[in-house]
Amino acid sequence: MVYAVKEIKKVEIARPGPGPTGAAPPYYLVTELWFESPEILKAVAATPEWKAIGADVANFAPPGSATVLVSVVEPKR
């Protein structure tokens, strides 16, 4: 579904491995969705397509188990 959102510039999906002590990772899956700017993310978040993506999370993640983080990547110095 995310691949159909033209404003998403890059999609990365990773399965975290054990930490340095061998402990299980706190997350099962990490998905990064890259946008040109926070403003574009905000505009996309208001669309029916984005709302459908959010609703789809319940199809693969137990209720309350998904964590959403929003970050701004700073330019290289």
N, C-alpha and C. Protein backbone atom coordinates (compact mmCIF):
# COMPACT_ATOMS: atom_id res chain seq x y z
N MET A 1 0.82 -1.20 0.00
CA MET A 1 0.00 0.00 0.00
C MET A 1 0.86 1.27 0.00
N VAL A 2 1.97 1.23 0.76
CA VAL A 2 2.80 2.45 0.83
C VAL A 2 3.47 2.74 -0.50
N TYR A 3 3.70 1.70 -1.30
CA TYR A 3 4.36 1.92 -2.59
C TYR A 3 3.46 2.68 -3.57
N ALA A 4 2.16 2.73 -3.30
CA ALA A 4 1.23 3.46 -4.16
C ALA A 4 1.18 4.95 -3.83
N VAL A 5 1.76 5.36 -2.70
CA VAL A 5 1.76 6.77 -2.31
C VAL A 5 2.95 7.46 -2.98
N LYS A 6 2.67 8.23 -4.01
CA LYS A 6 3.76 8.80 -4.82
C LYS A 6 4.64 9.77 -4.07
N GLU A 7 4.13 10.35 -2.98
CA GLU A 7 4.93 11.31 -2.20
C GLU A 7 6.00 10.63 -1.34
N ILE A 8 5.90 9.33 -1.16
CA ILE A 8 6.93 8.61 -0.40
C ILE A 8 8.13 8.41 -1.33
N LYS A 9 9.28 8.95 -0.91
CA LYS A 9 10.48 8.92 -1.75
C LYS A 9 11.28 7.63 -1.60
N LYS A 10 11.18 7.00 -0.42
CA LYS A 10 11.96 5.78 -0.20
C LYS A 10 11.26 4.96 0.88
N VAL A 11 11.27 3.64 0.70
CA VAL A 11 10.73 2.71 1.68
C VAL A 11 11.84 1.73 2.04
N GLU A 12 12.09 1.57 3.34
CA GLU A 12 13.07 0.59 3.81
C GLU A 12 12.40 -0.27 4.87
N ILE A 13 12.57 -1.58 4.78
CA ILE A 13 12.00 -2.52 5.75
C ILE A 13 13.14 -3.37 6.29
N ALA A 14 13.21 -3.49 7.61
CA ALA A 14 14.29 -4.26 8.24
C ALA A 14 13.73 -5.10 9.38
N ARG A 15 14.37 -6.24 9.62
CA ARG A 15 14.05 -7.08 10.77
C ARG A 15 15.25 -6.99 11.72
N PRO A 16 15.06 -6.31 12.85
CA PRO A 16 16.16 -6.14 13.79
C PRO A 16 16.69 -7.48 14.32
N GLY A 17 17.98 -7.52 14.55
CA GLY A 17 18.61 -8.70 15.13
C GLY A 17 18.83 -8.50 16.62
N PRO A 18 19.40 -9.49 17.27
CA PRO A 18 19.69 -9.37 18.70
C PRO A 18 20.64 -8.22 18.98
N GLY A 19 20.53 -7.67 20.19
CA GLY A 19 21.43 -6.60 20.61
C GLY A 19 22.81 -7.14 20.94
N PRO A 20 23.73 -6.28 21.36
CA PRO A 20 25.11 -6.69 21.66
C PRO A 20 25.20 -7.77 22.74
N THR A 21 24.23 -7.81 23.63
CA THR A 21 24.26 -8.82 24.69
C THR A 21 23.53 -10.10 24.29
N GLY A 22 22.99 -10.11 23.09
CA GLY A 22 22.24 -11.28 22.62
C GLY A 22 20.76 -11.19 22.95
N ALA A 23 20.36 -10.11 23.62
CA ALA A 23 18.95 -9.94 23.98
C ALA A 23 18.10 -9.76 22.72
N ALA A 24 16.89 -10.25 22.81
CA ALA A 24 15.96 -10.09 21.69
C ALA A 24 15.70 -8.61 21.43
N PRO A 25 15.55 -8.23 20.17
CA PRO A 25 15.30 -6.82 19.87
C PRO A 25 13.92 -6.41 20.36
N PRO A 26 13.75 -5.13 20.67
CA PRO A 26 12.45 -4.67 21.16
C PRO A 26 11.39 -4.57 20.06
N TYR A 27 11.81 -4.63 18.81
CA TYR A 27 10.88 -4.51 17.70
C TYR A 27 11.03 -5.71 16.77
N TYR A 28 9.90 -6.12 16.20
CA TYR A 28 9.88 -7.23 15.26
C TYR A 28 10.25 -6.76 13.85
N LEU A 29 9.76 -5.58 13.50
CA LEU A 29 9.94 -5.07 12.15
C LEU A 29 10.09 -3.56 12.23
N VAL A 30 10.98 -3.00 11.42
CA VAL A 30 11.15 -1.56 11.33
C VAL A 30 10.90 -1.15 9.88
N THR A 31 9.98 -0.23 9.69
CA THR A 31 9.69 0.28 8.35
C THR A 31 9.97 1.78 8.35
N GLU A 32 10.81 2.22 7.42
CA GLU A 32 11.10 3.64 7.28
C GLU A 32 10.44 4.14 6.00
N LEU A 33 9.70 5.21 6.13
CA LEU A 33 9.07 5.86 4.98
C LEU A 33 9.65 7.27 4.89
N TRP A 34 10.26 7.57 3.76
CA TRP A 34 10.96 8.85 3.59
C TRP A 34 10.12 9.81 2.75
N PHE A 35 9.97 11.03 3.27
CA PHE A 35 9.25 12.11 2.59
C PHE A 35 10.22 13.28 2.39
N GLU A 36 9.92 14.15 1.44
CA GLU A 36 10.77 15.32 1.20
C GLU A 36 10.78 16.28 2.38
N SER A 37 9.66 16.36 3.10
CA SER A 37 9.58 17.33 4.19
C SER A 37 8.47 16.92 5.16
N PRO A 38 8.51 17.45 6.38
CA PRO A 38 7.42 17.21 7.33
C PRO A 38 6.07 17.71 6.80
N GLU A 39 6.11 18.77 6.03
CA GLU A 39 4.87 19.32 5.47
C GLU A 39 4.21 18.34 4.50
N ILE A 40 5.03 17.68 3.71
CA ILE A 40 4.47 16.69 2.77
C ILE A 40 3.90 15.51 3.54
N LEU A 41 4.59 15.04 4.57
CA LEU A 41 4.05 13.97 5.41
C LEU A 41 2.70 14.40 5.99
N LYS A 42 2.61 15.62 6.50
CA LYS A 42 1.37 16.10 7.09
C LYS A 42 0.24 16.11 6.06
N ALA A 43 0.54 16.54 4.84
CA ALA A 43 -0.48 16.56 3.78
C ALA A 43 -0.91 15.14 3.41
N VAL A 44 0.03 14.23 3.31
CA VAL A 44 -0.28 12.84 2.96
C VAL A 44 -1.10 12.19 4.07
N ALA A 45 -0.79 12.51 5.33
CA ALA A 45 -1.49 11.90 6.46
C ALA A 45 -2.98 12.23 6.48
N ALA A 46 -3.39 13.26 5.75
CA ALA A 46 -4.79 13.65 5.71
C ALA A 46 -5.57 12.95 4.59
N THR A 47 -4.91 12.12 3.80
CA THR A 47 -5.57 11.49 2.65
C THR A 47 -6.24 10.17 3.02
N PRO A 48 -7.24 9.77 2.26
CA PRO A 48 -7.88 8.47 2.49
C PRO A 48 -6.90 7.31 2.32
N GLU A 49 -5.94 7.45 1.41
CA GLU A 49 -4.95 6.38 1.19
C GLU A 49 -4.11 6.16 2.46
N TRP A 50 -3.71 7.24 3.11
CA TRP A 50 -2.90 7.12 4.32
C TRP A 50 -3.72 6.55 5.47
N LYS A 51 -4.97 6.97 5.55
CA LYS A 51 -5.85 6.42 6.59
C LYS A 51 -6.03 4.91 6.40
N ALA A 52 -6.10 4.45 5.16
CA ALA A 52 -6.21 3.01 4.87
C ALA A 52 -4.94 2.28 5.29
N ILE A 53 -3.78 2.91 5.08
CA ILE A 53 -2.51 2.31 5.51
C ILE A 53 -2.51 2.16 7.03
N GLY A 54 -2.93 3.19 7.74
CA GLY A 54 -2.99 3.12 9.19
C GLY A 54 -3.93 2.03 9.67
N ALA A 55 -5.07 1.91 9.03
CA ALA A 55 -6.05 0.88 9.41
C ALA A 55 -5.51 -0.52 9.13
N ASP A 56 -4.65 -0.65 8.12
CA ASP A 56 -4.11 -1.96 7.75
C ASP A 56 -3.11 -2.50 8.77
N VAL A 57 -2.55 -1.64 9.59
CA VAL A 57 -1.58 -2.09 10.59
C VAL A 57 -2.17 -3.18 11.47
N ALA A 58 -3.46 -3.09 11.77
CA ALA A 58 -4.12 -4.10 12.62
C ALA A 58 -4.12 -5.48 11.98
N ASN A 59 -3.88 -5.56 10.67
CA ASN A 59 -3.83 -6.86 9.99
C ASN A 59 -2.54 -7.63 10.24
N PHE A 60 -1.50 -6.94 10.74
CA PHE A 60 -0.24 -7.65 10.97
C PHE A 60 0.43 -7.31 12.30
N ALA A 61 -0.15 -6.41 13.07
CA ALA A 61 0.42 -6.07 14.38
C ALA A 61 -0.67 -6.12 15.43
N PRO A 62 -0.40 -6.78 16.55
CA PRO A 62 -1.42 -6.81 17.61
C PRO A 62 -1.74 -5.39 18.09
N PRO A 63 -2.98 -5.17 18.54
CA PRO A 63 -3.37 -3.83 19.01
C PRO A 63 -2.39 -3.29 20.05
N GLY A 64 -2.01 -2.05 19.87
CA GLY A 64 -1.11 -1.38 20.82
C GLY A 64 0.36 -1.73 20.67
N SER A 65 0.70 -2.59 19.71
CA SER A 65 2.10 -3.00 19.60
C SER A 65 2.89 -2.17 18.60
N ALA A 66 2.23 -1.40 17.76
CA ALA A 66 2.94 -0.60 16.76
C ALA A 66 3.36 0.74 17.38
N THR A 67 4.58 1.13 17.11
CA THR A 67 5.11 2.41 17.57
C THR A 67 5.45 3.24 16.34
N VAL A 68 4.98 4.46 16.31
CA VAL A 68 5.27 5.36 15.19
C VAL A 68 6.20 6.45 15.69
N LEU A 69 7.32 6.60 15.02
CA LEU A 69 8.27 7.67 15.32
C LEU A 69 8.40 8.54 14.08
N VAL A 70 8.46 9.83 14.26
CA VAL A 70 8.67 10.76 13.14
C VAL A 70 9.96 11.50 13.42
N SER A 71 10.86 11.47 12.45
CA SER A 71 12.16 12.12 12.59
C SER A 71 12.41 13.03 11.41
N VAL A 72 13.21 14.04 11.63
CA VAL A 72 13.69 14.91 10.56
C VAL A 72 15.18 14.65 10.42
N VAL A 73 15.59 14.29 9.21
CA VAL A 73 17.01 14.02 8.96
C VAL A 73 17.70 15.36 8.72
N GLU A 74 18.72 15.60 9.52
CA GLU A 74 19.47 16.85 9.39
C GLU A 74 20.49 16.73 8.27
N PRO A 75 20.75 17.83 7.59
CA PRO A 75 21.76 17.79 6.51
C PRO A 75 23.14 17.48 7.08
N LYS A 76 23.96 16.87 6.23
CA LYS A 76 25.35 16.57 6.64
C LYS A 76 26.09 17.87 6.88
N ARG A 77 26.98 17.82 7.87
CA ARG A 77 27.78 19.02 8.18
C ARG A 77 29.17 18.90 7.64
